[in-house]
Amino acid sequence: MCSGRIANTTTGYLTWIPTFRTRRRVDGRELAIRLRAVVKSNIGPKSERLVQFKIAPLRKRTRKMFLFRDEYIFELVRAIVVEVPQQGHATYVFSRPGNLDQWVRDYARTLKDDLRKNRANVAKRLGFLGRVMHGRNPKTWLRDLRAKVGEAVDYSLSVEAP
């Protein structure tokens, strides 16, 4: 359907502007998606100014990554995470040390059992914060891991959809 409206231009003349009307209803979720896309395109996907619009900016999470035996060691901003990417294993979380190279050397000489039982005070020396078990729900694992590491936790991710 084509209709028109009268509009004032800067010159003061009245003009006829044809407009096309669509009778499509847009729900709030779609409007929010469109608004976020516009904000990200104007500000940039990595800008910290996105936080004021309740949009998480893209951030570089790991600084360094090591492969040690069958484990991955990730250096994050606030912590060190040691991960064996297999079901039934736990993710170990450590506080971030001053000297990462020395920490990796100390970790290489440590057994997991010594770490869990804190033999010879090894857990304190390495800055052991805890471990997160891999469960059936990866979203719950991620929520628990973020809580241990100190990142903001989105609790809506831990609820399973019916």
Protein backbone atom coordinates (compact mmCIF):
# COMPACT_ATOMS: atom_id res chain seq x y z
CA MET A 1 0.00 0.00 0.00
CA CYS A 2 1.43 3.33 -1.00
CA SER A 3 0.37 6.43 0.83
CA GLY A 4 1.87 9.82 1.28
CA ARG A 5 2.34 12.57 3.77
CA ILE A 6 2.99 16.26 3.65
CA ALA A 7 6.30 17.44 5.08
CA ASN A 8 7.92 20.82 5.55
CA THR A 9 11.30 21.17 3.94
CA THR A 10 13.95 23.66 4.96
CA THR A 11 12.71 26.02 2.29
CA GLY A 12 9.23 26.17 3.76
CA TYR A 13 7.44 24.52 0.82
CA LEU A 14 5.02 21.70 1.34
CA THR A 15 5.92 18.56 -0.58
CA TRP A 16 4.33 15.21 -1.13
CA ILE A 17 6.56 12.34 0.06
CA PRO A 18 5.41 8.85 -0.86
CA THR A 19 5.88 6.26 1.85
CA PHE A 20 5.38 2.54 1.81
CA ARG A 21 3.70 1.05 4.83
CA THR A 22 4.22 -2.48 5.95
CA ARG A 23 1.96 -4.00 8.48
CA ARG A 24 4.55 -6.31 9.98
CA ARG A 25 4.65 -6.44 13.75
CA VAL A 26 8.08 -6.44 15.34
CA ASP A 27 8.43 -7.91 18.83
CA GLY A 28 10.67 -6.50 21.56
CA ARG A 29 13.34 -9.18 21.21
CA GLU A 30 13.90 -8.39 17.54
CA LEU A 31 14.06 -4.68 18.29
CA ALA A 32 16.66 -5.33 21.00
CA ILE A 33 18.76 -7.38 18.57
CA ARG A 34 18.60 -4.61 15.99
CA LEU A 35 19.49 -1.96 18.56
CA ARG A 36 22.49 -3.96 19.79
CA ALA A 37 23.69 -4.39 16.21
CA VAL A 38 23.49 -0.65 15.56
CA VAL A 39 25.28 0.19 18.81
CA LYS A 40 28.06 -2.35 18.12
CA SER A 41 28.54 -1.06 14.57
CA ASN A 42 28.79 2.56 15.72
CA ILE A 43 30.98 2.04 18.80
CA GLY A 44 32.88 -1.10 17.79
CA PRO A 45 32.66 -4.68 19.10
CA LYS A 46 35.75 -4.39 21.36
CA SER A 47 34.97 -1.03 22.98
CA GLU A 48 34.48 -0.95 26.74
CA ARG A 49 31.76 1.68 26.17
CA LEU A 50 29.40 -1.18 25.26
CA VAL A 51 29.06 -2.00 28.96
CA GLN A 52 26.81 1.04 29.49
CA PHE A 53 24.37 -0.53 27.00
CA LYS A 54 24.57 -3.88 28.85
CA ILE A 55 26.46 -5.48 25.96
CA ALA A 56 29.58 -7.51 26.68
CA PRO A 57 32.51 -6.34 24.54
CA LEU A 58 34.79 -8.83 22.83
CA ARG A 59 37.81 -9.30 25.07
CA LYS A 60 40.96 -11.25 24.68
CA ARG A 61 40.69 -13.89 27.38
CA THR A 62 43.97 -15.73 27.38
CA ARG A 63 47.36 -14.14 27.44
CA LYS A 64 49.36 -17.33 26.98
CA MET A 65 48.53 -20.97 26.51
CA PHE A 66 50.79 -23.92 27.24
CA LEU A 67 50.39 -27.59 26.40
CA PHE A 68 51.84 -29.69 29.21
CA ARG A 69 51.46 -33.51 28.96
CA ASP A 70 47.74 -33.87 28.22
CA GLU A 71 46.75 -30.60 29.93
CA TYR A 72 46.21 -27.10 28.66
CA ILE A 73 47.44 -24.26 30.87
CA PHE A 74 45.76 -20.91 30.23
CA GLU A 75 47.01 -17.62 31.64
CA LEU A 76 44.01 -15.37 32.18
CA VAL A 77 43.95 -11.81 33.49
CA ARG A 78 43.18 -12.84 37.07
CA ALA A 79 44.00 -16.54 37.22
CA ILE A 80 45.71 -19.60 35.77
CA VAL A 81 43.43 -22.38 34.55
CA VAL A 82 44.63 -25.95 33.97
CA GLU A 83 42.28 -28.01 31.84
CA VAL A 84 42.16 -31.61 30.63
CA PRO A 85 39.46 -31.52 27.93
CA GLN A 86 37.90 -34.89 28.75
CA GLN A 87 34.75 -35.92 30.55
CA GLY A 88 35.38 -36.97 34.14
CA HIS A 89 38.35 -34.65 34.67
CA ALA A 90 38.38 -31.45 36.68
CA THR A 91 39.50 -27.97 35.78
CA TYR A 92 42.05 -26.61 38.27
CA VAL A 93 42.11 -22.89 39.04
CA PHE A 94 45.12 -21.05 40.52
CA SER A 95 45.71 -17.43 41.43
CA ARG A 96 47.91 -15.55 38.98
CA PRO A 97 51.58 -15.73 40.01
CA GLY A 98 54.19 -13.01 39.66
CA ASN A 99 56.55 -15.17 37.60
CA LEU A 100 54.68 -17.49 35.24
CA ASP A 101 57.77 -19.39 34.06
CA GLN A 102 58.70 -20.33 37.63
CA TRP A 103 55.09 -21.32 38.32
CA VAL A 104 55.03 -23.66 35.31
CA ARG A 105 58.29 -25.27 36.50
CA ASP A 106 56.84 -25.79 39.98
CA TYR A 107 53.59 -27.14 38.54
CA ALA A 108 55.49 -29.61 36.35
CA ARG A 109 57.07 -31.17 39.47
CA THR A 110 53.74 -31.47 41.29
CA LEU A 111 51.35 -34.43 41.30
CA LYS A 112 47.59 -33.86 41.26
CA ASP A 113 47.18 -35.94 44.40
CA ASP A 114 49.76 -33.81 46.24
CA LEU A 115 47.89 -30.73 45.11
CA ARG A 116 44.48 -31.98 46.27
CA LYS A 117 45.81 -33.11 49.67
CA ASN A 118 48.19 -30.13 50.01
CA ARG A 119 51.22 -32.25 50.75
CA ALA A 120 54.33 -30.20 51.55
CA ASN A 121 52.17 -27.06 51.33
CA VAL A 122 52.24 -27.28 47.53
CA ALA A 123 48.68 -25.93 47.08
CA LYS A 124 49.52 -22.72 48.89
CA ARG A 125 52.80 -22.33 47.02
CA LEU A 126 51.06 -22.66 43.64
CA GLY A 127 48.10 -20.48 44.66
CA PHE A 128 45.49 -23.24 44.30
CA LEU A 129 41.97 -21.75 44.44
CA GLY A 130 39.94 -24.88 43.74
CA ARG A 131 38.72 -27.19 41.06
CA VAL A 132 35.59 -27.40 38.97
CA MET A 133 34.35 -30.83 37.98
CA HIS A 134 33.09 -31.50 34.47
CA GLY A 135 29.45 -32.46 34.73
CA ARG A 136 26.64 -33.23 32.37
CA ASN A 137 25.77 -29.58 31.77
CA PRO A 138 28.61 -27.53 30.24
CA LYS A 139 26.80 -24.28 31.08
CA THR A 140 26.91 -25.14 34.79
CA TRP A 141 30.62 -25.94 34.47
CA LEU A 142 31.24 -22.59 32.77
CA ARG A 143 29.25 -20.72 35.44
CA ASP A 144 31.23 -22.39 38.24
CA LEU A 145 34.53 -21.78 36.44
CA ARG A 146 33.75 -18.09 35.95
CA ALA A 147 32.88 -17.78 39.63
CA LYS A 148 36.23 -19.32 40.62
CA VAL A 149 38.21 -17.18 38.16
CA GLY A 150 36.46 -13.99 39.23
CA GLU A 151 34.62 -13.06 36.05
CA ALA A 152 31.04 -11.83 36.04
CA VAL A 153 28.64 -14.77 36.11
CA ASP A 154 25.45 -14.85 34.05
CA TYR A 155 23.19 -17.14 36.10
CA SER A 156 20.59 -17.35 33.34
CA LEU A 157 23.01 -19.57 31.40
CA SER A 158 22.86 -22.29 34.06
CA VAL A 159 19.12 -22.89 33.69
CA GLU A 160 18.32 -25.58 31.20
CA ALA A 161 15.58 -24.94 28.69
CA PRO A 162 12.55 -27.25 29.03
